[in-house]
Amino acid sequence: MTPIADLTLDVGHEGCGTLLVVLRQHMQELASGAVLEVVAYDPGVREDVPSWCRMMRNDLITTSGDLGRCEPIHNCIRKG
């Protein structure tokens, strides 16, 4: 079950560089414990977002979606 997000960020096809900058900007706006849902079509997001979460001490709650089926990747992150 996907948690209810406090904010949804759709980054489309943006790659790692832009994605992580935008992700950080939006996470700074949220209170501790808030959930941000990141929606992306870039295949690198499956590795980039979990790594970023570990480095920034945020919790990756869920990852879903299948780019092979033209479904975007959804990552729900709880701010640490």
PDB file of N, CA and C in Angstrom:
ATOM      1  N   MET A   1       0.836  -1.182   0.000  1.00  0.00           N
ATOM      2  CA  MET A   1       0.000   0.000   0.000  1.00  0.00           C
ATOM      3  C   MET A   1       0.883   1.248   0.000  1.00  0.00           C
ATOM      4  N   THR A   2       0.621   2.150  -0.900  1.00  0.00           N
ATOM      5  CA  THR A   2       1.383   3.386  -1.013  1.00  0.00           C
ATOM      6  C   THR A   2       0.890   4.396   0.018  1.00  0.00           C
ATOM      7  N   PRO A   3       1.815   4.969   0.796  1.00  0.00           N
ATOM      8  CA  PRO A   3       1.398   5.976   1.768  1.00  0.00           C
ATOM      9  C   PRO A   3       0.890   7.231   1.066  1.00  0.00           C
ATOM     10  N   ILE A   4       0.085   7.985   1.761  1.00  0.00           N
ATOM     11  CA  ILE A   4      -0.420   9.237   1.201  1.00  0.00           C
ATOM     12  C   ILE A   4       0.695  10.279   1.275  1.00  0.00           C
ATOM     13  N   ALA A   5       0.990  10.868   0.128  1.00  0.00           N
ATOM     14  CA  ALA A   5       2.076  11.844   0.047  1.00  0.00           C
ATOM     15  C   ALA A   5       1.594  13.231   0.460  1.00  0.00           C
ATOM     16  N   ASP A   6       2.469  13.947   1.138  1.00  0.00           N
ATOM     17  CA  ASP A   6       2.199  15.347   1.462  1.00  0.00           C
ATOM     18  C   ASP A   6       2.439  16.221   0.236  1.00  0.00           C
ATOM     19  N   LEU A   7       3.303  15.750  -0.659  1.00  0.00           N
ATOM     20  CA  LEU A   7       3.639  16.484  -1.874  1.00  0.00           C
ATOM     21  C   LEU A   7       4.036  15.480  -2.947  1.00  0.00           C
ATOM     22  N   THR A   8       3.585  15.693  -4.191  1.00  0.00           N
ATOM     23  CA  THR A   8       3.976  14.847  -5.320  1.00  0.00           C
ATOM     24  C   THR A   8       4.804  15.679  -6.279  1.00  0.00           C
ATOM     25  N   LEU A   9       5.941  15.115  -6.671  1.00  0.00           N
ATOM     26  CA  LEU A   9       6.868  15.773  -7.578  1.00  0.00           C
ATOM     27  C   LEU A   9       7.002  14.917  -8.829  1.00  0.00           C
ATOM     28  N   ASP A  10       6.541  15.419  -9.973  1.00  0.00           N
ATOM     29  CA  ASP A  10       6.651  14.702 -11.247  1.00  0.00           C
ATOM     30  C   ASP A  10       7.827  15.297 -12.008  1.00  0.00           C
ATOM     31  N   VAL A  11       8.919  14.520 -12.121  1.00  0.00           N
ATOM     32  CA  VAL A  11      10.122  15.014 -12.786  1.00  0.00           C
ATOM     33  C   VAL A  11      10.232  14.535 -14.227  1.00  0.00           C
ATOM     34  N   GLY A  12       9.236  13.811 -14.704  1.00  0.00           N
ATOM     35  CA  GLY A  12       9.224  13.369 -16.095  1.00  0.00           C
ATOM     36  C   GLY A  12      10.443  12.541 -16.448  1.00  0.00           C
ATOM     37  N   HIS A  13      11.156  12.935 -17.502  1.00  0.00           N
ATOM     38  CA  HIS A  13      12.315  12.190 -18.001  1.00  0.00           C
ATOM     39  C   HIS A  13      13.643  12.780 -17.537  1.00  0.00           C
ATOM     40  N   GLU A  14      13.619  13.645 -16.539  1.00  0.00           N
ATOM     41  CA  GLU A  14      14.862  14.266 -16.064  1.00  0.00           C
ATOM     42  C   GLU A  14      15.829  13.201 -15.561  1.00  0.00           C
ATOM     43  N   GLY A  15      17.106  13.384 -15.857  1.00  0.00           N
ATOM     44  CA  GLY A  15      18.143  12.461 -15.411  1.00  0.00           C
ATOM     45  C   GLY A  15      18.616  12.792 -14.011  1.00  0.00           C
ATOM     46  N   CYS A  16      19.587  12.040 -13.562  1.00  0.00           N
ATOM     47  CA  CYS A  16      20.085  12.101 -12.192  1.00  0.00           C
ATOM     48  C   CYS A  16      20.446  13.515 -11.739  1.00  0.00           C
ATOM     49  N   GLY A  17      21.226  14.239 -12.527  1.00  0.00           N
ATOM     50  CA  GLY A  17      21.684  15.565 -12.101  1.00  0.00           C
ATOM     51  C   GLY A  17      20.551  16.503 -11.743  1.00  0.00           C
ATOM     52  N   THR A  18      19.638  16.680 -12.651  1.00  0.00           N
ATOM     53  CA  THR A  18      18.501  17.575 -12.416  1.00  0.00           C
ATOM     54  C   THR A  18      17.554  16.997 -11.381  1.00  0.00           C
ATOM     55  N   LEU A  19      17.292  15.711 -11.478  1.00  0.00           N
ATOM     56  CA  LEU A  19      16.372  15.044 -10.554  1.00  0.00           C
ATOM     57  C   LEU A  19      16.789  15.263  -9.109  1.00  0.00           C
ATOM     58  N   LEU A  20      18.048  15.026  -8.792  1.00  0.00           N
ATOM     59  CA  LEU A  20      18.487  15.108  -7.406  1.00  0.00           C
ATOM     60  C   LEU A  20      18.503  16.541  -6.884  1.00  0.00           C
ATOM     61  N   VAL A  21      18.793  17.502  -7.743  1.00  0.00           N
ATOM     62  CA  VAL A  21      18.747  18.910  -7.326  1.00  0.00           C
ATOM     63  C   VAL A  21      17.310  19.310  -7.002  1.00  0.00           C
ATOM     64  N   VAL A  22      16.388  18.972  -7.882  1.00  0.00           N
ATOM     65  CA  VAL A  22      14.970  19.309  -7.676  1.00  0.00           C
ATOM     66  C   VAL A  22      14.421  18.567  -6.456  1.00  0.00           C
ATOM     67  N   LEU A  23      14.803  17.310  -6.312  1.00  0.00           N
ATOM     68  CA  LEU A  23      14.367  16.506  -5.166  1.00  0.00           C
ATOM     69  C   LEU A  23      14.815  17.153  -3.859  1.00  0.00           C
ATOM     70  N   ARG A  24      16.063  17.566  -3.798  1.00  0.00           N
ATOM     71  CA  ARG A  24      16.573  18.192  -2.576  1.00  0.00           C
ATOM     72  C   ARG A  24      15.823  19.490  -2.264  1.00  0.00           C
ATOM     73  N   GLN A  25      15.577  20.306  -3.283  1.00  0.00           N
ATOM     74  CA  GLN A  25      14.859  21.567  -3.073  1.00  0.00           C
ATOM     75  C   GLN A  25      13.477  21.324  -2.480  1.00  0.00           C
ATOM     76  N   HIS A  26      12.768  20.339  -3.003  1.00  0.00           N
ATOM     77  CA  HIS A  26      11.416  20.065  -2.508  1.00  0.00           C
ATOM     78  C   HIS A  26      11.437  19.427  -1.114  1.00  0.00           C
ATOM     79  N   MET A  27      12.422  18.589  -0.836  1.00  0.00           N
ATOM     80  CA  MET A  27      12.505  17.977   0.493  1.00  0.00           C
ATOM     81  C   MET A  27      12.780  19.031   1.560  1.00  0.00           C
ATOM     82  N   GLN A  28      13.544  20.061   1.230  1.00  0.00           N
ATOM     83  CA  GLN A  28      13.851  21.114   2.200  1.00  0.00           C
ATOM     84  C   GLN A  28      12.595  21.860   2.630  1.00  0.00           C
ATOM     85  N   GLU A  29      11.585  21.885   1.782  1.00  0.00           N
ATOM     86  CA  GLU A  29      10.335  22.585   2.093  1.00  0.00           C
ATOM     87  C   GLU A  29       9.443  21.800   3.054  1.00  0.00           C
ATOM     88  N   LEU A  30       9.701  20.498   3.185  1.00  0.00           N
ATOM     89  CA  LEU A  30       8.828  19.638   3.985  1.00  0.00           C
ATOM     90  C   LEU A  30       9.298  19.531   5.428  1.00  0.00           C
ATOM     91  N   ALA A  31       8.358  19.298   6.319  1.00  0.00           N
ATOM     92  CA  ALA A  31       8.673  19.062   7.724  1.00  0.00           C
ATOM     93  C   ALA A  31       9.184  17.632   7.901  1.00  0.00           C
ATOM     94  N   SER A  32       9.922  17.403   8.956  1.00  0.00           N
ATOM     95  CA  SER A  32      10.399  16.061   9.270  1.00  0.00           C
ATOM     96  C   SER A  32       9.208  15.114   9.405  1.00  0.00           C
ATOM     97  N   GLY A  33       9.303  13.944   8.784  1.00  0.00           N
ATOM     98  CA  GLY A  33       8.222  12.964   8.827  1.00  0.00           C
ATOM     99  C   GLY A  33       7.255  13.066   7.665  1.00  0.00           C
ATOM    100  N   ALA A  34       7.329  14.150   6.896  1.00  0.00           N
ATOM    101  CA  ALA A  34       6.448  14.316   5.731  1.00  0.00           C
ATOM    102  C   ALA A  34       6.871  13.352   4.622  1.00  0.00           C
ATOM    103  N   VAL A  35       5.930  13.033   3.738  1.00  0.00           N
ATOM    104  CA  VAL A  35       6.180  12.084   2.650  1.00  0.00           C
ATOM    105  C   VAL A  35       6.127  12.811   1.310  1.00  0.00           C
ATOM    106  N   LEU A  36       7.177  12.598   0.516  1.00  0.00           N
ATOM    107  CA  LEU A  36       7.256  13.139  -0.838  1.00  0.00           C
ATOM    108  C   LEU A  36       7.183  11.979  -1.821  1.00  0.00           C
ATOM    109  N   GLU A  37       6.270  12.070  -2.778  1.00  0.00           N
ATOM    110  CA  GLU A  37       6.190  11.075  -3.845  1.00  0.00           C
ATOM    111  C   GLU A  37       6.898  11.649  -5.067  1.00  0.00           C
ATOM    112  N   VAL A  38       7.862  10.897  -5.603  1.00  0.00           N
ATOM    113  CA  VAL A  38       8.599  11.305  -6.795  1.00  0.00           C
ATOM    114  C   VAL A  38       8.178  10.391  -7.936  1.00  0.00           C
ATOM    115  N   VAL A  39       7.701  10.993  -9.029  1.00  0.00           N
ATOM    116  CA  VAL A  39       7.266  10.252 -10.210  1.00  0.00           C
ATOM    117  C   VAL A  39       8.264  10.551 -11.322  1.00  0.00           C
ATOM    118  N   ALA A  40       8.839   9.489 -11.929  1.00  0.00           N
ATOM    119  CA  ALA A  40       9.868   9.693 -12.950  1.00  0.00           C
ATOM    120  C   ALA A  40       9.814   8.598 -14.006  1.00  0.00           C
ATOM    121  N   TYR A  41      10.294   8.943 -15.207  1.00  0.00           N
ATOM    122  CA  TYR A  41      10.389   7.986 -16.310  1.00  0.00           C
ATOM    123  C   TYR A  41      11.830   7.616 -16.637  1.00  0.00           C
ATOM    124  N   ASP A  42      12.790   8.176 -15.937  1.00  0.00           N
ATOM    125  CA  ASP A  42      14.192   7.861 -16.197  1.00  0.00           C
ATOM    126  C   ASP A  42      14.552   6.548 -15.507  1.00  0.00           C
ATOM    127  N   PRO A  43      15.129   5.574 -16.234  1.00  0.00           N
ATOM    128  CA  PRO A  43      15.437   4.279 -15.616  1.00  0.00           C
ATOM    129  C   PRO A  43      16.449   4.372 -14.475  1.00  0.00           C
ATOM    130  N   GLY A  44      17.291   5.390 -14.472  1.00  0.00           N
ATOM    131  CA  GLY A  44      18.282   5.542 -13.419  1.00  0.00           C
ATOM    132  C   GLY A  44      17.699   5.850 -12.058  1.00  0.00           C
ATOM    133  N   VAL A  45      16.443   6.249 -12.030  1.00  0.00           N
ATOM    134  CA  VAL A  45      15.802   6.617 -10.770  1.00  0.00           C
ATOM    135  C   VAL A  45      15.749   5.432  -9.800  1.00  0.00           C
ATOM    136  N   ARG A  46      15.719   4.224 -10.322  1.00  0.00           N
ATOM    137  CA  ARG A  46      15.675   3.026  -9.453  1.00  0.00           C
ATOM    138  C   ARG A  46      16.923   2.911  -8.589  1.00  0.00           C
ATOM    139  N   GLU A  47      18.051   3.415  -9.059  1.00  0.00           N
ATOM    140  CA  GLU A  47      19.287   3.381  -8.273  1.00  0.00           C
ATOM    141  C   GLU A  47      19.586   4.729  -7.621  1.00  0.00           C
ATOM    142  N   ASP A  48      19.286   5.810  -8.342  1.00  0.00           N
ATOM    143  CA  ASP A  48      19.647   7.144  -7.857  1.00  0.00           C
ATOM    144  C   ASP A  48      18.882   7.555  -6.606  1.00  0.00           C
ATOM    145  N   VAL A  49      17.583   7.339  -6.588  1.00  0.00           N
ATOM    146  CA  VAL A  49      16.771   7.786  -5.451  1.00  0.00           C
ATOM    147  C   VAL A  49      17.106   7.009  -4.172  1.00  0.00           C
ATOM    148  N   PRO A  50      17.212   5.667  -4.203  1.00  0.00           N
ATOM    149  CA  PRO A  50      17.599   4.973  -2.968  1.00  0.00           C
ATOM    150  C   PRO A  50      18.966   5.419  -2.435  1.00  0.00           C
ATOM    151  N   SER A  51      19.932   5.624  -3.328  1.00  0.00           N
ATOM    152  CA  SER A  51      21.259   6.084  -2.899  1.00  0.00           C
ATOM    153  C   SER A  51      21.177   7.469  -2.272  1.00  0.00           C
ATOM    154  N   TRP A  52      20.417   8.360  -2.908  1.00  0.00           N
ATOM    155  CA  TRP A  52      20.252   9.712  -2.384  1.00  0.00           C
ATOM    156  C   TRP A  52      19.596   9.671  -1.004  1.00  0.00           C
ATOM    157  N   CYS A  53      18.592   8.827  -0.849  1.00  0.00           N
ATOM    158  CA  CYS A  53      17.903   8.712   0.448  1.00  0.00           C
ATOM    159  C   CYS A  53      18.866   8.285   1.545  1.00  0.00           C
ATOM    160  N   ARG A  54      19.716   7.305   1.255  1.00  0.00           N
ATOM    161  CA  ARG A  54      20.694   6.859   2.260  1.00  0.00           C
ATOM    162  C   ARG A  54      21.655   7.992   2.623  1.00  0.00           C
ATOM    163  N   MET A  55      22.156   8.704   1.614  1.00  0.00           N
ATOM    164  CA  MET A  55      23.112   9.789   1.866  1.00  0.00           C
ATOM    165  C   MET A  55      22.493  10.932   2.657  1.00  0.00           C
ATOM    166  N   MET A  56      21.232  11.224   2.395  1.00  0.00           N
ATOM    167  CA  MET A  56      20.561  12.356   3.034  1.00  0.00           C
ATOM    168  C   MET A  56      19.794  11.954   4.295  1.00  0.00           C
ATOM    169  N   ARG A  57      19.859  10.678   4.645  1.00  0.00           N
ATOM    170  CA  ARG A  57      19.195  10.136   5.839  1.00  0.00           C
ATOM    171  C   ARG A  57      17.679  10.306   5.805  1.00  0.00           C
ATOM    172  N   ASN A  58      17.120  10.035   4.625  1.00  0.00           N
ATOM    173  CA  ASN A  58      15.670   9.982   4.464  1.00  0.00           C
ATOM    174  C   ASN A  58      15.291   8.527   4.231  1.00  0.00           C
ATOM    175  N   ASP A  59      14.037   8.174   4.465  1.00  0.00           N
ATOM    176  CA  ASP A  59      13.587   6.789   4.321  1.00  0.00           C
ATOM    177  C   ASP A  59      12.844   6.597   3.010  1.00  0.00           C
ATOM    178  N   LEU A  60      13.317   5.659   2.194  1.00  0.00           N
ATOM    179  CA  LEU A  60      12.592   5.273   0.988  1.00  0.00           C
ATOM    180  C   LEU A  60      11.535   4.276   1.432  1.00  0.00           C
ATOM    181  N   ILE A  61      10.277   4.667   1.354  1.00  0.00           N
ATOM    182  CA  ILE A  61       9.182   3.834   1.858  1.00  0.00           C
ATOM    183  C   ILE A  61       8.754   2.811   0.823  1.00  0.00           C
ATOM    184  N   THR A  62       8.492   3.261  -0.402  1.00  0.00           N
ATOM    185  CA  THR A  62       8.053   2.350  -1.465  1.00  0.00           C
ATOM    186  C   THR A  62       8.631   2.783  -2.805  1.00  0.00           C
ATOM    187  N   THR A  63       8.782   1.805  -3.679  1.00  0.00           N
ATOM    188  CA  THR A  63       9.128   2.035  -5.079  1.00  0.00           C
ATOM    189  C   THR A  63       8.224   1.135  -5.895  1.00  0.00           C
ATOM    190  N   SER A  64       7.581   1.699  -6.913  1.00  0.00           N
ATOM    191  CA  SER A  64       6.713   0.892  -7.772  1.00  0.00           C
ATOM    192  C   SER A  64       6.755   1.446  -9.183  1.00  0.00           C
ATOM    193  N   GLY A  65       6.221   0.673 -10.113  1.00  0.00           N
ATOM    194  CA  GLY A  65       6.170   1.082 -11.513  1.00  0.00           C
ATOM    195  C   GLY A  65       7.079   0.221 -12.367  1.00  0.00           C
ATOM    196  N   ASP A  66       6.805   0.187 -13.651  1.00  0.00           N
ATOM    197  CA  ASP A  66       7.549  -0.649 -14.589  1.00  0.00           C
ATOM    198  C   ASP A  66       7.696   0.109 -15.901  1.00  0.00           C
ATOM    199  N   LEU A  67       8.899   0.616 -16.156  1.00  0.00           N
ATOM    200  CA  LEU A  67       9.127   1.375 -17.383  1.00  0.00           C
ATOM    201  C   LEU A  67       8.925   0.510 -18.623  1.00  0.00           C
ATOM    202  N   GLY A  68       9.146  -0.802 -18.497  1.00  0.00           N
ATOM    203  CA  GLY A  68       8.921  -1.715 -19.615  1.00  0.00           C
ATOM    204  C   GLY A  68       7.464  -1.757 -20.044  1.00  0.00           C
ATOM    205  N   ARG A  69       6.586  -1.428 -19.135  1.00  0.00           N
ATOM    206  CA  ARG A  69       5.146  -1.374 -19.427  1.00  0.00           C
ATOM    207  C   ARG A  69       4.674   0.068 -19.584  1.00  0.00           C
ATOM    208  N   CYS A  70       5.625   0.963 -19.769  1.00  0.00           N
ATOM    209  CA  CYS A  70       5.339   2.407 -19.912  1.00  0.00           C
ATOM    210  C   CYS A  70       4.681   2.995 -18.667  1.00  0.00           C
ATOM    211  N   GLU A  71       4.987   2.421 -17.512  1.00  0.00           N
ATOM    212  CA  GLU A  71       4.494   2.956 -16.243  1.00  0.00           C
ATOM    213  C   GLU A  71       5.619   3.767 -15.598  1.00  0.00           C
ATOM    214  N   PRO A  72       5.332   4.929 -15.093  1.00  0.00           N
ATOM    215  CA  PRO A  72       6.385   5.693 -14.418  1.00  0.00           C
ATOM    216  C   PRO A  72       6.795   5.007 -13.113  1.00  0.00           C
ATOM    217  N   ILE A  73       7.984   5.339 -12.655  1.00  0.00           N
ATOM    218  CA  ILE A  73       8.474   4.859 -11.366  1.00  0.00           C
ATOM    219  C   ILE A  73       7.980   5.832 -10.293  1.00  0.00           C
ATOM    220  N   HIS A  74       7.362   5.294  -9.257  1.00  0.00           N
ATOM    221  CA  HIS A  74       6.884   6.090  -8.121  1.00  0.00           C
ATOM    222  C   HIS A  74       7.745   5.736  -6.911  1.00  0.00           C
ATOM    223  N   ASN A  75       8.362   6.728  -6.315  1.00  0.00           N
ATOM    224  CA  ASN A  75       9.134   6.554  -5.088  1.00  0.00           C
ATOM    225  C   ASN A  75       8.496   7.407  -4.005  1.00  0.00           C
ATOM    226  N   CYS A  76       8.205   6.808  -2.871  1.00  0.00           N
ATOM    227  CA  CYS A  76       7.701   7.569  -1.726  1.00  0.00           C
ATOM    228  C   CYS A  76       8.813   7.649  -0.692  1.00  0.00           C
ATOM    229  N   ILE A  77       9.135   8.871  -0.312  1.00  0.00           N
ATOM    230  CA  ILE A  77      10.255   9.141   0.583  1.00  0.00           C
ATOM    231  C   ILE A  77       9.744   9.877   1.813  1.00  0.00           C
ATOM    232  N   ARG A  78      10.115   9.369   2.997  1.00  0.00           N
ATOM    233  CA  ARG A  78       9.775  10.065   4.248  1.00  0.00           C
ATOM    234  C   ARG A  78      10.994  10.869   4.683  1.00  0.00           C
ATOM    235  N   LYS A  79      10.774  12.147   4.927  1.00  0.00           N
ATOM    236  CA  LYS A  79      11.873  13.012   5.339  1.00  0.00           C
ATOM    237  C   LYS A  79      12.334  12.642   6.737  1.00  0.00           C
ATOM    238  N   GLY A  80      13.646  12.453   6.877  1.00  0.00           N
ATOM    239  CA  GLY A  80      14.235  12.070   8.158  1.00  0.00           C
ATOM    240  C   GLY A  80      14.466  13.252   9.057  1.00  0.00           C
TER     241      GLY A  80
END
